[in-house]
Structure formats: C-alpha cells, structure tokens
Amino acid sequence: MDCGNSVGSLTLPYLLENIGCSVITLNSHIDGSFPGRGSEPIPENLSTLQEIVKKTGSDFGVALDGDADRAIFVDEKGNFIQGDRSLALIIKNFIKNREGKVVTTVSTSHIIDDISGNRIIKTKIGDLIVARKLLECGGIIGGEESGGVIFPEFVPGKDGSLATLKMAEIISENKKPLSELIDELPKYYQYKEKIPCENRYKERVISEVDKKLKNYKKDRTDGVKAFTEKGWFIIRPSGTEPIIRCYSESKDKKEAKRLVEFGLKIVKETIDEIAKK
C-alpha cells in the first residue's frame, strides 16, 4: 500500500495486518509536504506502486489520498483501476442479501445503475451531499467516482481504510484475482476532460449550454447531463477550480470519445461567445 505520507499511515497498515494480510508499505511516514508523491492517487503518481505490486506478486495495491478518505486500487497485474469500477465492485458485493438504497452522484458510471437497479439514488457531486442523502433515505452504501466509499452504518463519510478492508474481503471470499473481478463488471468506456473557465462565467456558461442542448433528454441535478441512445455526457463547473469539467460514458469507445469531444466543443464555443460580450 502507498500511504502517500497521509494520516492513513497510522492505521491502515496495522488494520490490514490484523485481518491476515501481508503488507508492504510505501510513503508510510506522515509528512504534509508529500515528499514521496503527489497527494492525489492518480495514475501519474502511482507508477512505483504499480511496479512493486507486479514484482512482489501482491494480490492488489492500494493508494490513499492526503486525508485518507479515498482509496484507489491497483490489480495484481499492476493495472490502475478507476474509482468508478472499484466502487462498483464494492457495491456489488456489499448489497448481496441486503435491503436498502445505494447513493451516488450524477457523474458516476452507470455501472452502478446496472448493479443497483431501482435501488439507486443520484445526487449532486460532493461526498457531504451523498452522505446526507444516505442518512435521509436510510441508504446502506454510497460513494463517488473519485474513489470515495461511504458505509453509513460505521461512519457517515468517506473512509479509505474501510474501503480497503472491504476490497481485501471481496478478493478473499471470491477466490478470484482482482483483475478478473473487475472484468466481470458491466463494460463501459469513460472520458474525463476539463477546460479553463473564469469563475465569473461559470453560471452563464452552464445556462447557455443547457439551452443549446434543448433537443436532448437532460438531467439538471448538477450542471447539465445529456443522454443519447448510446451514452451520456455531463458538463458541470468545478466547485474548487476555475474550470468546467466534461465527462462522457458509453459502451462504445468511439461514442464515448465523440461525446466528450462534443461536450468540450460546446463549452469552448460558449465561453468564447460570453467572453466577447
């Protein structure tokens, strides 16, 4: 596990050992300057973890973010697993023989929809929003595409340690490699892009984009999510950066690529139009 010099260094290695795992740690001393790698567990920061998982024959690898509330996984082959897919695998196994709602956001993969069926509730982006909805509806599990999983019966917030323990349990109980368990999930292709946008323009851009997509079936829970026969794309402003994000998804890779490019094109045109006024 790559603790990322986070607070998870104090707990997760020991929790894993206590449930019978043999643990190899990286960046496991706390240092808020994050000297080992960037604090975000994104592919470009996890090459060392991926290589060590392969060389040591480990069953899986896990990387924490700076405050250890998110866990991103690497399979036994060293492949990076998107947060949507690890969340889907955890939900798939967690809801077996359990009643209750599943809560996630409108930007999260529809793999979760396929797995959860009519038990799913979609919210705006934000772990606090997901957590509040879980408590409100008595949901049993929730999460976001960024690698955050919420188990409300334990704590109403994301917890990277709980997610990792559950993943270890899933691999053990299913007696299959993590890569195989991931491959058994419904197959979707995703693209995630962003484009700079001054904060003062964000609200107007989304409003204008909504008008331009008048012929599409849409969801306005957060930004604008437009549906096609083969997939969907969402355009929404970042709550923390001067950017607008565009995600797309389809079971057809070319269609997913086309949709994200189409979304970016509309956003760029709209930003240029507003900036000229």
C-alpha atoms as a PDB file:
ATOM      1  CA  MET A   1       0.000   0.000   0.000  1.00  0.00           C
ATOM      2  CA  ASP A   2       1.095   3.534  -0.830  1.00  0.00           C
ATOM      3  CA  CYS A   3       0.033   5.604   2.167  1.00  0.00           C
ATOM      4  CA  GLY A   4       1.050   8.790   0.355  1.00  0.00           C
ATOM      5  CA  ASN A   5       2.537  10.221   3.589  1.00  0.00           C
ATOM      6  CA  SER A   6      -1.062  10.600   4.772  1.00  0.00           C
ATOM      7  CA  VAL A   7      -2.707  10.076   8.151  1.00  0.00           C
ATOM      8  CA  GLY A   8      -3.666   6.628   6.903  1.00  0.00           C
ATOM      9  CA  SER A   9      -0.083   5.634   7.662  1.00  0.00           C
ATOM     10  CA  LEU A  10      -1.054   5.463  11.339  1.00  0.00           C
ATOM     11  CA  THR A  11      -3.843   2.948  10.918  1.00  0.00           C
ATOM     12  CA  LEU A  12      -4.360   1.103   7.645  1.00  0.00           C
ATOM     13  CA  PRO A  13      -1.141  -0.997   7.527  1.00  0.00           C
ATOM     14  CA  TYR A  14      -1.941  -2.316  11.007  1.00  0.00           C
ATOM     15  CA  LEU A  15      -5.615  -2.940  10.232  1.00  0.00           C
ATOM     16  CA  LEU A  16      -4.631  -4.988   7.179  1.00  0.00           C
ATOM     17  CA  GLU A  17      -2.111  -6.996   9.151  1.00  0.00           C
ATOM     18  CA  ASN A  18      -4.720  -7.653  11.841  1.00  0.00           C
ATOM     19  CA  ILE A  19      -7.067  -9.273   9.302  1.00  0.00           C
ATOM     20  CA  GLY A  20      -4.293 -11.513   7.994  1.00  0.00           C
ATOM     21  CA  CYS A  21      -2.729  -9.566   5.127  1.00  0.00           C
ATOM     22  CA  SER A  22       0.994  -9.413   4.458  1.00  0.00           C
ATOM     23  CA  VAL A  23       1.652  -5.717   3.916  1.00  0.00           C
ATOM     24  CA  ILE A  24       4.366  -3.824   2.050  1.00  0.00           C
ATOM     25  CA  THR A  25       4.209  -0.085   2.656  1.00  0.00           C
ATOM     26  CA  LEU A  26       5.374   2.909   0.648  1.00  0.00           C
ATOM     27  CA  ASN A  27       5.473   6.522   1.830  1.00  0.00           C
ATOM     28  CA  SER A  28       4.197   5.413   5.232  1.00  0.00           C
ATOM     29  CA  HIS A  29       5.533   8.242   7.406  1.00  0.00           C
ATOM     30  CA  ILE A  30       3.353  11.310   7.865  1.00  0.00           C
ATOM     31  CA  ASP A  31       4.597  14.390   6.052  1.00  0.00           C
ATOM     32  CA  GLY A  32       2.210  17.115   4.893  1.00  0.00           C
ATOM     33  CA  SER A  33       4.627  18.231   2.191  1.00  0.00           C
ATOM     34  CA  PHE A  34       4.031  14.849   0.490  1.00  0.00           C
ATOM     35  CA  PRO A  35       7.656  14.145  -0.469  1.00  0.00           C
ATOM     36  CA  GLY A  36       7.030  10.625  -1.806  1.00  0.00           C
ATOM     37  CA  ARG A  37       4.472  11.512  -4.476  1.00  0.00           C
ATOM     38  CA  GLY A  38       1.682  13.972  -5.145  1.00  0.00           C
ATOM     39  CA  SER A  39      -1.147  13.750  -2.644  1.00  0.00           C
ATOM     40  CA  GLU A  40      -3.673  12.741  -5.307  1.00  0.00           C
ATOM     41  CA  PRO A  41      -3.758   8.972  -6.084  1.00  0.00           C
ATOM     42  CA  ILE A  42      -3.894   9.483  -9.852  1.00  0.00           C
ATOM     43  CA  PRO A  43      -2.132   7.276 -12.446  1.00  0.00           C
ATOM     44  CA  GLU A  44       0.874   9.565 -12.948  1.00  0.00           C
ATOM     45  CA  ASN A  45       1.612   9.408  -9.195  1.00  0.00           C
ATOM     46  CA  LEU A  46       1.331   5.645  -8.756  1.00  0.00           C
ATOM     47  CA  SER A  47       3.933   4.123 -11.094  1.00  0.00           C
ATOM     48  CA  THR A  48       6.087   2.923  -8.182  1.00  0.00           C
ATOM     49  CA  LEU A  49       3.137   1.220  -6.508  1.00  0.00           C
ATOM     50  CA  GLN A  50       2.134  -0.445  -9.778  1.00  0.00           C
ATOM     51  CA  GLU A  51       5.654  -1.757 -10.370  1.00  0.00           C
ATOM     52  CA  ILE A  52       6.073  -3.098  -6.831  1.00  0.00           C
ATOM     53  CA  VAL A  53       2.705  -4.894  -6.944  1.00  0.00           C
ATOM     54  CA  LYS A  54       3.853  -6.744 -10.071  1.00  0.00           C
ATOM     55  CA  LYS A  55       7.361  -7.529  -8.836  1.00  0.00           C
ATOM     56  CA  THR A  56       6.230  -8.818  -5.440  1.00  0.00           C
ATOM     57  CA  GLY A  57       3.301 -10.878  -6.733  1.00  0.00           C
ATOM     58  CA  SER A  58       0.898  -8.988  -4.488  1.00  0.00           C
ATOM     59  CA  ASP A  59      -2.833  -9.645  -4.720  1.00  0.00           C
ATOM     60  CA  PHE A  60      -3.578  -5.942  -5.006  1.00  0.00           C
ATOM     61  CA  GLY A  61      -2.247  -2.491  -4.299  1.00  0.00           C
ATOM     62  CA  VAL A  62      -3.974   0.489  -2.715  1.00  0.00           C
ATOM     63  CA  ALA A  63      -3.112   4.186  -2.632  1.00  0.00           C
ATOM     64  CA  LEU A  64      -4.572   6.757  -0.249  1.00  0.00           C
ATOM     65  CA  ASP A  65      -5.065  10.458  -0.765  1.00  0.00           C
ATOM     66  CA  GLY A  66      -3.815  13.130   1.644  1.00  0.00           C
ATOM     67  CA  ASP A  67      -6.542  12.760   4.259  1.00  0.00           C
ATOM     68  CA  ALA A  68      -7.014   9.018   3.664  1.00  0.00           C
ATOM     69  CA  ASP A  69     -10.737   9.210   2.922  1.00  0.00           C
ATOM     70  CA  ARG A  70     -10.268   7.863  -0.613  1.00  0.00           C
ATOM     71  CA  ALA A  71      -8.677   4.601  -1.729  1.00  0.00           C
ATOM     72  CA  ILE A  72      -7.591   3.879  -5.297  1.00  0.00           C
ATOM     73  CA  PHE A  73      -6.702   0.317  -6.238  1.00  0.00           C
ATOM     74  CA  VAL A  74      -4.200  -1.458  -8.471  1.00  0.00           C
ATOM     75  CA  ASP A  75      -4.850  -5.051  -9.543  1.00  0.00           C
ATOM     76  CA  GLU A  76      -2.369  -7.939  -9.302  1.00  0.00           C
ATOM     77  CA  LYS A  77      -1.066  -7.109 -12.796  1.00  0.00           C
ATOM     78  CA  GLY A  78      -0.262  -3.540 -11.777  1.00  0.00           C
ATOM     79  CA  ASN A  79      -3.202  -2.037 -13.660  1.00  0.00           C
ATOM     80  CA  PHE A  80      -4.725   1.182 -12.325  1.00  0.00           C
ATOM     81  CA  ILE A  81      -8.445   0.778 -11.512  1.00  0.00           C
ATOM     82  CA  GLN A  82     -10.733   3.759 -11.988  1.00  0.00           C
ATOM     83  CA  GLY A  83     -12.610   4.794  -8.856  1.00  0.00           C
ATOM     84  CA  ASP A  84     -15.962   4.110 -10.549  1.00  0.00           C
ATOM     85  CA  ARG A  85     -15.061   0.474 -11.105  1.00  0.00           C
ATOM     86  CA  SER A  86     -13.674  -0.219  -7.644  1.00  0.00           C
ATOM     87  CA  LEU A  87     -16.761   1.461  -6.157  1.00  0.00           C
ATOM     88  CA  ALA A  88     -18.975  -0.719  -8.365  1.00  0.00           C
ATOM     89  CA  LEU A  89     -17.199  -3.897  -7.272  1.00  0.00           C
ATOM     90  CA  ILE A  90     -17.552  -2.987  -3.600  1.00  0.00           C
ATOM     91  CA  ILE A  91     -21.237  -2.099  -4.022  1.00  0.00           C
ATOM     92  CA  LYS A  92     -21.925  -5.289  -5.990  1.00  0.00           C
ATOM     93  CA  ASN A  93     -20.630  -7.443  -3.155  1.00  0.00           C
ATOM     94  CA  PHE A  94     -21.924  -5.278  -0.314  1.00  0.00           C
ATOM     95  CA  ILE A  95     -25.603  -5.259  -1.375  1.00  0.00           C
ATOM     96  CA  LYS A  96     -25.862  -9.049  -1.673  1.00  0.00           C
ATOM     97  CA  ASN A  97     -28.605 -10.224   0.697  1.00  0.00           C
ATOM     98  CA  ARG A  98     -29.082  -6.651   1.973  1.00  0.00           C
ATOM     99  CA  GLU A  99     -32.052  -4.344   1.592  1.00  0.00           C
ATOM    100  CA  GLY A 100     -31.654  -0.593   1.212  1.00  0.00           C
ATOM    101  CA  LYS A 101     -30.778   2.219  -1.153  1.00  0.00           C
ATOM    102  CA  VAL A 102     -27.476   2.919  -2.909  1.00  0.00           C
ATOM    103  CA  VAL A 103     -26.493   6.582  -3.269  1.00  0.00           C
ATOM    104  CA  THR A 104     -24.029   8.027  -5.761  1.00  0.00           C
ATOM    105  CA  THR A 105     -23.655  11.131  -7.920  1.00  0.00           C
ATOM    106  CA  VAL A 106     -24.883  12.002 -11.398  1.00  0.00           C
ATOM    107  CA  SER A 107     -21.304  11.938 -12.709  1.00  0.00           C
ATOM    108  CA  THR A 108     -20.569   8.394 -11.540  1.00  0.00           C
ATOM    109  CA  SER A 109     -20.502   5.492 -14.006  1.00  0.00           C
ATOM    110  CA  HIS A 110     -23.754   3.779 -14.954  1.00  0.00           C
ATOM    111  CA  ILE A 111     -22.090   0.521 -13.934  1.00  0.00           C
ATOM    112  CA  ILE A 112     -23.591   1.371 -10.539  1.00  0.00           C
ATOM    113  CA  ASP A 113     -27.049   1.732 -12.150  1.00  0.00           C
ATOM    114  CA  ASP A 114     -26.726  -1.702 -13.764  1.00  0.00           C
ATOM    115  CA  ILE A 115     -25.697  -3.297 -10.480  1.00  0.00           C
ATOM    116  CA  SER A 116     -28.153  -1.499  -8.212  1.00  0.00           C
ATOM    117  CA  GLY A 117     -31.230  -1.261 -10.436  1.00  0.00           C
ATOM    118  CA  ASN A 118     -34.116   0.688  -8.902  1.00  0.00           C
ATOM    119  CA  ARG A 119     -32.291   0.888  -5.570  1.00  0.00           C
ATOM    120  CA  ILE A 120     -30.075   3.735  -6.785  1.00  0.00           C
ATOM    121  CA  ILE A 121     -30.438   7.421  -5.900  1.00  0.00           C
ATOM    122  CA  LYS A 122     -28.375  10.102  -7.715  1.00  0.00           C
ATOM    123  CA  THR A 123     -27.244  13.373  -6.122  1.00  0.00           C
ATOM    124  CA  LYS A 124     -25.147  16.413  -6.931  1.00  0.00           C
ATOM    125  CA  ILE A 125     -21.388  15.931  -6.784  1.00  0.00           C
ATOM    126  CA  GLY A 126     -19.938  16.094  -3.277  1.00  0.00           C
ATOM    127  CA  ASP A 127     -19.339  13.484  -0.594  1.00  0.00           C
ATOM    128  CA  LEU A 128     -21.226  15.526   2.011  1.00  0.00           C
ATOM    129  CA  ILE A 129     -24.268  15.575  -0.266  1.00  0.00           C
ATOM    130  CA  VAL A 130     -24.044  11.810  -0.779  1.00  0.00           C
ATOM    131  CA  ALA A 131     -23.630  11.264   2.979  1.00  0.00           C
ATOM    132  CA  ARG A 132     -26.623  13.428   3.846  1.00  0.00           C
ATOM    133  CA  LYS A 133     -28.802  11.600   1.316  1.00  0.00           C
ATOM    134  CA  LEU A 134     -27.702   8.231   2.733  1.00  0.00           C
ATOM    135  CA  LEU A 135     -28.793   9.307   6.206  1.00  0.00           C
ATOM    136  CA  GLU A 136     -32.008  10.832   4.873  1.00  0.00           C
ATOM    137  CA  CYS A 137     -33.126   7.738   2.949  1.00  0.00           C
ATOM    138  CA  GLY A 138     -31.630   5.101   5.228  1.00  0.00           C
ATOM    139  CA  GLY A 139     -29.239   4.001   2.484  1.00  0.00           C
ATOM    140  CA  ILE A 140     -26.741   1.229   3.084  1.00  0.00           C
ATOM    141  CA  ILE A 141     -23.784   2.322   0.924  1.00  0.00           C
ATOM    142  CA  GLY A 142     -22.737   5.230  -1.259  1.00  0.00           C
ATOM    143  CA  GLY A 143     -19.787   6.850  -2.938  1.00  0.00           C
ATOM    144  CA  GLU A 144     -18.280   8.884  -5.744  1.00  0.00           C
ATOM    145  CA  GLU A 145     -16.236   8.153  -8.847  1.00  0.00           C
ATOM    146  CA  SER A 146     -13.136   9.648  -7.219  1.00  0.00           C
ATOM    147  CA  GLY A 147     -12.525   6.563  -5.065  1.00  0.00           C
ATOM    148  CA  GLY A 148     -14.579   7.533  -2.029  1.00  0.00           C
ATOM    149  CA  VAL A 149     -16.856   4.920  -0.430  1.00  0.00           C
ATOM    150  CA  ILE A 150     -19.281   5.615   2.410  1.00  0.00           C
ATOM    151  CA  PHE A 151     -20.511   2.906   4.786  1.00  0.00           C
ATOM    152  CA  PRO A 152     -23.109   4.807   6.859  1.00  0.00           C
ATOM    153  CA  GLU A 153     -23.536   2.033   9.437  1.00  0.00           C
ATOM    154  CA  PHE A 154     -19.944   2.778  10.515  1.00  0.00           C
ATOM    155  CA  VAL A 155     -19.375   6.456   9.714  1.00  0.00           C
ATOM    156  CA  PRO A 156     -21.351   8.937   7.549  1.00  0.00           C
ATOM    157  CA  GLY A 157     -18.340   9.930   5.482  1.00  0.00           C
ATOM    158  CA  LYS A 158     -15.754   8.544   3.064  1.00  0.00           C
ATOM    159  CA  ASP A 159     -13.239   6.171   4.625  1.00  0.00           C
ATOM    160  CA  GLY A 160     -10.311   4.793   2.633  1.00  0.00           C
ATOM    161  CA  SER A 161      -9.466   2.252   5.330  1.00  0.00           C
ATOM    162  CA  LEU A 162     -12.936   0.688   5.345  1.00  0.00           C
ATOM    163  CA  ALA A 163     -12.951   0.573   1.539  1.00  0.00           C
ATOM    164  CA  THR A 164      -9.582  -1.209   1.533  1.00  0.00           C
ATOM    165  CA  LEU A 165     -10.644  -3.750   4.159  1.00  0.00           C
ATOM    166  CA  LYS A 166     -13.787  -4.479   2.165  1.00  0.00           C
ATOM    167  CA  MET A 167     -11.742  -4.947  -1.028  1.00  0.00           C
ATOM    168  CA  ALA A 168      -9.441  -7.423   0.739  1.00  0.00           C
ATOM    169  CA  GLU A 169     -12.521  -9.299   1.952  1.00  0.00           C
ATOM    170  CA  ILE A 170     -14.028  -9.386  -1.564  1.00  0.00           C
ATOM    171  CA  ILE A 171     -10.848 -10.842  -3.110  1.00  0.00           C
ATOM    172  CA  SER A 172     -10.576 -13.422  -0.327  1.00  0.00           C
ATOM    173  CA  GLU A 173     -14.211 -14.535  -0.378  1.00  0.00           C
ATOM    174  CA  ASN A 174     -14.498 -14.731  -4.175  1.00  0.00           C
ATOM    175  CA  LYS A 175     -11.166 -16.543  -4.524  1.00  0.00           C
ATOM    176  CA  LYS A 176     -10.501 -14.725  -7.791  1.00  0.00           C
ATOM    177  CA  PRO A 177      -7.832 -12.215  -8.864  1.00  0.00           C
ATOM    178  CA  LEU A 178      -8.880  -8.581  -8.634  1.00  0.00           C
ATOM    179  CA  SER A 179      -8.416  -8.151 -12.411  1.00  0.00           C
ATOM    180  CA  GLU A 180     -10.951 -10.921 -13.037  1.00  0.00           C
ATOM    181  CA  LEU A 181     -13.459  -9.465 -10.578  1.00  0.00           C
ATOM    182  CA  ILE A 182     -13.181  -6.077 -12.291  1.00  0.00           C
ATOM    183  CA  ASP A 183     -13.567  -7.643 -15.753  1.00  0.00           C
ATOM    184  CA  GLU A 184     -16.838  -9.261 -14.637  1.00  0.00           C
ATOM    185  CA  LEU A 185     -18.418  -5.824 -14.159  1.00  0.00           C
ATOM    186  CA  PRO A 186     -20.537  -4.290 -16.961  1.00  0.00           C
ATOM    187  CA  LYS A 187     -18.179  -2.755 -19.516  1.00  0.00           C
ATOM    188  CA  TYR A 188     -18.295   0.984 -20.130  1.00  0.00           C
ATOM    189  CA  TYR A 189     -15.796   3.420 -21.609  1.00  0.00           C
ATOM    190  CA  GLN A 190     -15.277   6.783 -19.965  1.00  0.00           C
ATOM    191  CA  TYR A 191     -13.504  10.011 -20.781  1.00  0.00           C
ATOM    192  CA  LYS A 192     -12.889  12.804 -18.297  1.00  0.00           C
ATOM    193  CA  GLU A 193     -11.718  16.195 -19.526  1.00  0.00           C
ATOM    194  CA  LYS A 194     -11.699  19.799 -18.309  1.00  0.00           C
ATOM    195  CA  ILE A 195     -11.454  23.260 -19.807  1.00  0.00           C
ATOM    196  CA  PRO A 196     -10.381  26.554 -18.162  1.00  0.00           C
ATOM    197  CA  CYS A 197     -13.231  28.923 -17.343  1.00  0.00           C
ATOM    198  CA  GLU A 198     -13.195  32.034 -15.193  1.00  0.00           C
ATOM    199  CA  ASN A 199     -15.396  31.646 -12.124  1.00  0.00           C
ATOM    200  CA  ARG A 200     -17.482  34.680 -13.114  1.00  0.00           C
ATOM    201  CA  TYR A 201     -18.523  32.958 -16.341  1.00  0.00           C
ATOM    202  CA  LYS A 202     -19.385  29.519 -14.969  1.00  0.00           C
ATOM    203  CA  GLU A 203     -23.064  30.026 -14.215  1.00  0.00           C
ATOM    204  CA  ARG A 204     -23.739  31.711 -17.567  1.00  0.00           C
ATOM    205  CA  VAL A 205     -21.837  29.026 -19.468  1.00  0.00           C
ATOM    206  CA  ILE A 206     -23.915  26.240 -17.930  1.00  0.00           C
ATOM    207  CA  SER A 207     -27.132  28.148 -18.596  1.00  0.00           C
ATOM    208  CA  GLU A 208     -26.241  28.691 -22.252  1.00  0.00           C
ATOM    209  CA  VAL A 209     -25.078  25.105 -22.711  1.00  0.00           C
ATOM    210  CA  ASP A 210     -28.407  23.947 -21.315  1.00  0.00           C
ATOM    211  CA  LYS A 211     -30.216  25.993 -23.971  1.00  0.00           C
ATOM    212  CA  LYS A 212     -28.011  24.612 -26.752  1.00  0.00           C
ATOM    213  CA  LEU A 213     -28.855  21.067 -25.692  1.00  0.00           C
ATOM    214  CA  LYS A 214     -32.613  21.667 -25.789  1.00  0.00           C
ATOM    215  CA  ASN A 215     -33.219  18.640 -28.024  1.00  0.00           C
ATOM    216  CA  TYR A 216     -31.576  16.208 -25.616  1.00  0.00           C
ATOM    217  CA  LYS A 217     -33.053  14.352 -22.674  1.00  0.00           C
ATOM    218  CA  LYS A 218     -31.287  16.009 -19.731  1.00  0.00           C
ATOM    219  CA  ASP A 219     -30.669  15.829 -16.008  1.00  0.00           C
ATOM    220  CA  ARG A 220     -30.031  19.188 -14.302  1.00  0.00           C
ATOM    221  CA  THR A 221     -29.174  17.791 -10.858  1.00  0.00           C
ATOM    222  CA  ASP A 222     -25.645  19.154 -11.216  1.00  0.00           C
ATOM    223  CA  GLY A 223     -24.620  21.079 -14.314  1.00  0.00           C
ATOM    224  CA  VAL A 224     -26.095  19.586 -17.485  1.00  0.00           C
ATOM    225  CA  LYS A 225     -26.146  15.844 -18.113  1.00  0.00           C
ATOM    226  CA  ALA A 226     -27.322  14.951 -21.622  1.00  0.00           C
ATOM    227  CA  PHE A 227     -28.325  11.484 -22.771  1.00  0.00           C
ATOM    228  CA  THR A 228     -28.039   9.896 -26.220  1.00  0.00           C
ATOM    229  CA  GLU A 229     -29.121   6.471 -27.451  1.00  0.00           C
ATOM    230  CA  LYS A 230     -25.626   5.135 -26.816  1.00  0.00           C
ATOM    231  CA  GLY A 231     -24.403   7.024 -23.771  1.00  0.00           C
ATOM    232  CA  TRP A 232     -24.264  10.309 -21.898  1.00  0.00           C
ATOM    233  CA  PHE A 233     -22.058  13.281 -21.176  1.00  0.00           C
ATOM    234  CA  ILE A 234     -22.097  15.763 -18.324  1.00  0.00           C
ATOM    235  CA  ILE A 235     -20.892  19.353 -18.251  1.00  0.00           C
ATOM    236  CA  ARG A 236     -20.521  20.905 -14.813  1.00  0.00           C
ATOM    237  CA  PRO A 237     -18.488  23.662 -13.155  1.00  0.00           C
ATOM    238  CA  SER A 238     -15.805  22.728 -10.641  1.00  0.00           C
ATOM    239  CA  GLY A 239     -16.591  23.908  -7.142  1.00  0.00           C
ATOM    240  CA  THR A 240     -12.923  24.440  -6.298  1.00  0.00           C
ATOM    241  CA  GLU A 241     -11.108  25.447  -9.509  1.00  0.00           C
ATOM    242  CA  PRO A 242     -11.666  27.890 -12.413  1.00  0.00           C
ATOM    243  CA  ILE A 243     -12.542  25.041 -14.776  1.00  0.00           C
ATOM    244  CA  ILE A 244     -15.540  23.289 -16.270  1.00  0.00           C
ATOM    245  CA  ARG A 245     -15.462  19.513 -16.345  1.00  0.00           C
ATOM    246  CA  CYS A 246     -16.799  17.301 -19.088  1.00  0.00           C
ATOM    247  CA  TYR A 247     -17.241  13.557 -18.578  1.00  0.00           C
ATOM    248  CA  SER A 248     -18.686  11.043 -21.008  1.00  0.00           C
ATOM    249  CA  GLU A 249     -19.588   7.373 -20.946  1.00  0.00           C
ATOM    250  CA  SER A 250     -20.764   4.742 -23.402  1.00  0.00           C
ATOM    251  CA  LYS A 251     -20.479   1.017 -24.007  1.00  0.00           C
ATOM    252  CA  ASP A 252     -18.949   2.025 -27.344  1.00  0.00           C
ATOM    253  CA  LYS A 253     -15.467   3.503 -27.009  1.00  0.00           C
ATOM    254  CA  LYS A 254     -15.704   5.675 -30.131  1.00  0.00           C
ATOM    255  CA  GLU A 255     -19.050   7.054 -28.980  1.00  0.00           C
ATOM    256  CA  ALA A 256     -17.660   7.901 -25.537  1.00  0.00           C
ATOM    257  CA  LYS A 257     -14.802   9.779 -27.214  1.00  0.00           C
ATOM    258  CA  ARG A 258     -17.178  11.567 -29.573  1.00  0.00           C
ATOM    259  CA  LEU A 259     -19.429  12.655 -26.724  1.00  0.00           C
ATOM    260  CA  VAL A 260     -16.646  14.147 -24.605  1.00  0.00           C
ATOM    261  CA  GLU A 261     -15.265  15.995 -27.648  1.00  0.00           C
ATOM    262  CA  PHE A 262     -18.745  17.257 -28.482  1.00  0.00           C
ATOM    263  CA  GLY A 263     -19.212  18.465 -24.912  1.00  0.00           C
ATOM    264  CA  LEU A 264     -15.854  20.238 -24.851  1.00  0.00           C
ATOM    265  CA  LYS A 265     -16.621  21.892 -28.202  1.00  0.00           C
ATOM    266  CA  ILE A 266     -19.910  23.297 -26.912  1.00  0.00           C
ATOM    267  CA  VAL A 267     -18.280  24.579 -23.719  1.00  0.00           C
ATOM    268  CA  LYS A 268     -15.404  26.254 -25.586  1.00  0.00           C
ATOM    269  CA  GLU A 269     -17.750  27.919 -28.053  1.00  0.00           C
ATOM    270  CA  THR A 270     -19.961  29.154 -25.236  1.00  0.00           C
ATOM    271  CA  ILE A 271     -17.047  30.539 -23.209  1.00  0.00           C
ATOM    272  CA  ASP A 272     -15.741  32.382 -26.292  1.00  0.00           C
ATOM    273  CA  GLU A 273     -19.202  33.834 -27.015  1.00  0.00           C
ATOM    274  CA  ILE A 274     -19.648  35.084 -23.453  1.00  0.00           C
ATOM    275  CA  ALA A 275     -16.103  36.496 -23.238  1.00  0.00           C
ATOM    276  CA  LYS A 276     -16.671  38.563 -26.395  1.00  0.00           C
ATOM    277  CA  LYS A 277     -19.780  40.294 -24.989  1.00  0.00           C
END
